[in-house]
Amino acid sequence: MEEGKIKLIGVNLYPKLEVKKSLEELYNEKEIKPVRWAEMFE
């Protein structure tokens, strides 16, 4: 870990808080399909 070969968030790897993503960048309707997990129990 000291050499930087292993990355641990909060130890030697930190998020870039100044970088903001838009809703369009975070959510792609073509990749995520709606699923009703409880449908088989209804």
PDB file of N, CA and C in Angstrom:
ATOM      1  N   MET A   1       0.822  -1.174   0.000  1.00  0.00           N
ATOM      2  CA  MET A   1       0.000   0.000   0.000  1.00  0.00           C
ATOM      3  C   MET A   1       0.882   1.260   0.000  1.00  0.00           C
ATOM      4  N   GLU A   2       1.981   1.228   0.687  1.00  0.00           N
ATOM      5  CA  GLU A   2       2.857   2.395   0.755  1.00  0.00           C
ATOM      6  C   GLU A   2       3.409   2.767  -0.617  1.00  0.00           C
ATOM      7  N   GLU A   3       3.619   1.777  -1.469  1.00  0.00           N
ATOM      8  CA  GLU A   3       4.169   2.030  -2.799  1.00  0.00           C
ATOM      9  C   GLU A   3       3.117   2.513  -3.788  1.00  0.00           C
ATOM     10  N   GLY A   4       1.849   2.472  -3.400  1.00  0.00           N
ATOM     11  CA  GLY A   4       0.788   2.941  -4.280  1.00  0.00           C
ATOM     12  C   GLY A   4       0.248   1.874  -5.220  1.00  0.00           C
ATOM     13  N   LYS A   5       0.660   0.635  -5.042  1.00  0.00           N
ATOM     14  CA  LYS A   5       0.185  -0.435  -5.918  1.00  0.00           C
ATOM     15  C   LYS A   5      -1.235  -0.865  -5.550  1.00  0.00           C
ATOM     16  N   ILE A   6      -1.580  -0.747  -4.272  1.00  0.00           N
ATOM     17  CA  ILE A   6      -2.919  -1.075  -3.793  1.00  0.00           C
ATOM     18  C   ILE A   6      -3.611   0.230  -3.438  1.00  0.00           C
ATOM     19  N   LYS A   7      -4.806   0.440  -3.982  1.00  0.00           N
ATOM     20  CA  LYS A   7      -5.550   1.674  -3.734  1.00  0.00           C
ATOM     21  C   LYS A   7      -6.685   1.397  -2.761  1.00  0.00           C
ATOM     22  N   LEU A   8      -6.768   2.191  -1.703  1.00  0.00           N
ATOM     23  CA  LEU A   8      -7.853   2.118  -0.741  1.00  0.00           C
ATOM     24  C   LEU A   8      -8.461   3.509  -0.608  1.00  0.00           C
ATOM     25  N   ILE A   9      -9.749   3.603  -0.872  1.00  0.00           N
ATOM     26  CA  ILE A   9     -10.419   4.897  -0.797  1.00  0.00           C
ATOM     27  C   ILE A   9     -10.363   5.413   0.634  1.00  0.00           C
ATOM     28  N   GLY A  10      -9.926   6.638   0.773  1.00  0.00           N
ATOM     29  CA  GLY A  10      -9.823   7.269   2.082  1.00  0.00           C
ATOM     30  C   GLY A  10      -8.474   7.068   2.746  1.00  0.00           C
ATOM     31  N   VAL A  11      -7.656   6.150   2.223  1.00  0.00           N
ATOM     32  CA  VAL A  11      -6.323   5.913   2.787  1.00  0.00           C
ATOM     33  C   VAL A  11      -5.270   6.534   1.883  1.00  0.00           C
ATOM     34  N   ASN A  12      -5.241   6.092   0.626  1.00  0.00           N
ATOM     35  CA  ASN A  12      -4.289   6.677  -0.324  1.00  0.00           C
ATOM     36  C   ASN A  12      -4.959   7.048  -1.650  1.00  0.00           C
ATOM     37  N   LEU A  13      -6.311   7.026  -1.669  1.00  0.00           N
ATOM     38  CA  LEU A  13      -7.069   7.414  -2.849  1.00  0.00           C
ATOM     39  C   LEU A  13      -8.270   8.223  -2.372  1.00  0.00           C
ATOM     40  N   TYR A  14      -8.436   9.430  -2.904  1.00  0.00           N
ATOM     41  CA  TYR A  14      -9.494  10.314  -2.444  1.00  0.00           C
ATOM     42  C   TYR A  14     -10.346  10.761  -3.626  1.00  0.00           C
ATOM     43  N   PRO A  15     -11.671  10.910  -3.429  1.00  0.00           N
ATOM     44  CA  PRO A  15     -12.542  11.364  -4.518  1.00  0.00           C
ATOM     45  C   PRO A  15     -12.277  12.827  -4.845  1.00  0.00           C
ATOM     46  N   LYS A  16     -12.501  13.179  -6.096  1.00  0.00           N
ATOM     47  CA  LYS A  16     -12.368  14.572  -6.528  1.00  0.00           C
ATOM     48  C   LYS A  16     -13.708  15.244  -6.294  1.00  0.00           C
ATOM     49  N   LEU A  17     -13.837  15.943  -5.195  1.00  0.00           N
ATOM     50  CA  LEU A  17     -15.106  16.539  -4.809  1.00  0.00           C
ATOM     51  C   LEU A  17     -15.496  17.719  -5.682  1.00  0.00           C
ATOM     52  N   GLU A  18     -14.529  18.347  -6.330  1.00  0.00           N
ATOM     53  CA  GLU A  18     -14.847  19.513  -7.150  1.00  0.00           C
ATOM     54  C   GLU A  18     -15.449  19.116  -8.502  1.00  0.00           C
ATOM     55  N   VAL A  19     -15.355  17.855  -8.869  1.00  0.00           N
ATOM     56  CA  VAL A  19     -15.898  17.395 -10.147  1.00  0.00           C
ATOM     57  C   VAL A  19     -17.365  17.025  -9.953  1.00  0.00           C
ATOM     58  N   LYS A  20     -18.234  17.693 -10.674  1.00  0.00           N
ATOM     59  CA  LYS A  20     -19.674  17.426 -10.598  1.00  0.00           C
ATOM     60  C   LYS A  20     -20.132  16.853 -11.940  1.00  0.00           C
ATOM     61  N   LYS A  21     -20.979  15.837 -11.890  1.00  0.00           N
ATOM     62  CA  LYS A  21     -21.521  15.239 -13.108  1.00  0.00           C
ATOM     63  C   LYS A  21     -22.992  15.577 -13.225  1.00  0.00           C
ATOM     64  N   SER A  22     -23.430  15.758 -14.447  1.00  0.00           N
ATOM     65  CA  SER A  22     -24.837  16.060 -14.674  1.00  0.00           C
ATOM     66  C   SER A  22     -25.663  14.781 -14.599  1.00  0.00           C
ATOM     67  N   LEU A  23     -26.955  14.949 -14.518  1.00  0.00           N
ATOM     68  CA  LEU A  23     -27.859  13.803 -14.454  1.00  0.00           C
ATOM     69  C   LEU A  23     -27.741  12.950 -15.713  1.00  0.00           C
ATOM     70  N   GLU A  24     -27.542  13.587 -16.852  1.00  0.00           N
ATOM     71  CA  GLU A  24     -27.407  12.853 -18.113  1.00  0.00           C
ATOM     72  C   GLU A  24     -26.157  11.974 -18.123  1.00  0.00           C
ATOM     73  N   GLU A  25     -25.084  12.421 -17.468  1.00  0.00           N
ATOM     74  CA  GLU A  25     -23.860  11.631 -17.402  1.00  0.00           C
ATOM     75  C   GLU A  25     -23.998  10.450 -16.440  1.00  0.00           C
ATOM     76  N   LEU A  26     -24.769  10.634 -15.367  1.00  0.00           N
ATOM     77  CA  LEU A  26     -24.915   9.590 -14.364  1.00  0.00           C
ATOM     78  C   LEU A  26     -25.949   8.531 -14.751  1.00  0.00           C
ATOM     79  N   TYR A  27     -26.991   8.926 -15.477  1.00  0.00           N
ATOM     80  CA  TYR A  27     -28.088   8.018 -15.785  1.00  0.00           C
ATOM     81  C   TYR A  27     -28.231   7.872 -17.291  1.00  0.00           C
ATOM     82  N   ASN A  28     -28.017   6.662 -17.782  1.00  0.00           N
ATOM     83  CA  ASN A  28     -28.199   6.368 -19.192  1.00  0.00           C
ATOM     84  C   ASN A  28     -29.374   5.398 -19.306  1.00  0.00           C
ATOM     85  N   GLU A  29     -30.471   5.869 -19.850  1.00  0.00           N
ATOM     86  CA  GLU A  29     -31.696   5.078 -19.938  1.00  0.00           C
ATOM     87  C   GLU A  29     -31.504   3.794 -20.741  1.00  0.00           C
ATOM     88  N   LYS A  30     -30.570   3.783 -21.674  1.00  0.00           N
ATOM     89  CA  LYS A  30     -30.333   2.603 -22.508  1.00  0.00           C
ATOM     90  C   LYS A  30     -29.590   1.502 -21.749  1.00  0.00           C
ATOM     91  N   GLU A  31     -28.825   1.863 -20.715  1.00  0.00           N
ATOM     92  CA  GLU A  31     -28.045   0.879 -19.957  1.00  0.00           C
ATOM     93  C   GLU A  31     -28.806   0.311 -18.771  1.00  0.00           C
ATOM     94  N   ILE A  32     -29.672   1.106 -18.165  1.00  0.00           N
ATOM     95  CA  ILE A  32     -30.388   0.677 -16.968  1.00  0.00           C
ATOM     96  C   ILE A  32     -31.847   0.420 -17.330  1.00  0.00           C
ATOM     97  N   LYS A  33     -32.285  -0.795 -17.121  1.00  0.00           N
ATOM     98  CA  LYS A  33     -33.656  -1.175 -17.422  1.00  0.00           C
ATOM     99  C   LYS A  33     -34.457  -1.264 -16.125  1.00  0.00           C
ATOM    100  N   PRO A  34     -35.690  -0.777 -16.113  1.00  0.00           N
ATOM    101  CA  PRO A  34     -36.507  -0.901 -14.915  1.00  0.00           C
ATOM    102  C   PRO A  34     -36.876  -2.362 -14.657  1.00  0.00           C
ATOM    103  N   VAL A  35     -36.807  -2.765 -13.404  1.00  0.00           N
ATOM    104  CA  VAL A  35     -37.100  -4.144 -13.023  1.00  0.00           C
ATOM    105  C   VAL A  35     -38.012  -4.120 -11.804  1.00  0.00           C
ATOM    106  N   ARG A  36     -39.038  -4.945 -11.815  1.00  0.00           N
ATOM    107  CA  ARG A  36     -39.931  -5.090 -10.667  1.00  0.00           C
ATOM    108  C   ARG A  36     -39.586  -6.409  -9.995  1.00  0.00           C
ATOM    109  N   TRP A  37     -38.722  -6.356  -8.991  1.00  0.00           N
ATOM    110  CA  TRP A  37     -38.251  -7.570  -8.316  1.00  0.00           C
ATOM    111  C   TRP A  37     -39.372  -8.276  -7.561  1.00  0.00           C
ATOM    112  N   ALA A  38     -40.368  -7.533  -7.068  1.00  0.00           N
ATOM    113  CA  ALA A  38     -41.442  -8.122  -6.277  1.00  0.00           C
ATOM    114  C   ALA A  38     -42.552  -8.707  -7.152  1.00  0.00           C
ATOM    115  N   GLU A  39     -42.445  -8.567  -8.440  1.00  0.00           N
ATOM    116  CA  GLU A  39     -43.528  -9.013  -9.334  1.00  0.00           C
ATOM    117  C   GLU A  39     -43.858 -10.482  -9.145  1.00  0.00           C
ATOM    118  N   MET A  40     -42.879 -11.336  -8.902  1.00  0.00           N
ATOM    119  CA  MET A  40     -43.140 -12.756  -8.755  1.00  0.00           C
ATOM    120  C   MET A  40     -43.901 -13.071  -7.470  1.00  0.00           C
ATOM    121  N   PHE A  41     -43.915 -12.146  -6.510  1.00  0.00           N
ATOM    122  CA  PHE A  41     -44.623 -12.371  -5.255  1.00  0.00           C
ATOM    123  C   PHE A  41     -45.996 -11.700  -5.228  1.00  0.00           C
ATOM    124  N   GLU A  42     -46.293 -10.886  -6.224  1.00  0.00           N
ATOM    125  CA  GLU A  42     -47.558 -10.148  -6.234  1.00  0.00           C
ATOM    126  C   GLU A  42     -48.690 -11.014  -6.734  1.00  0.00           C
TER     127      GLU A  42
END
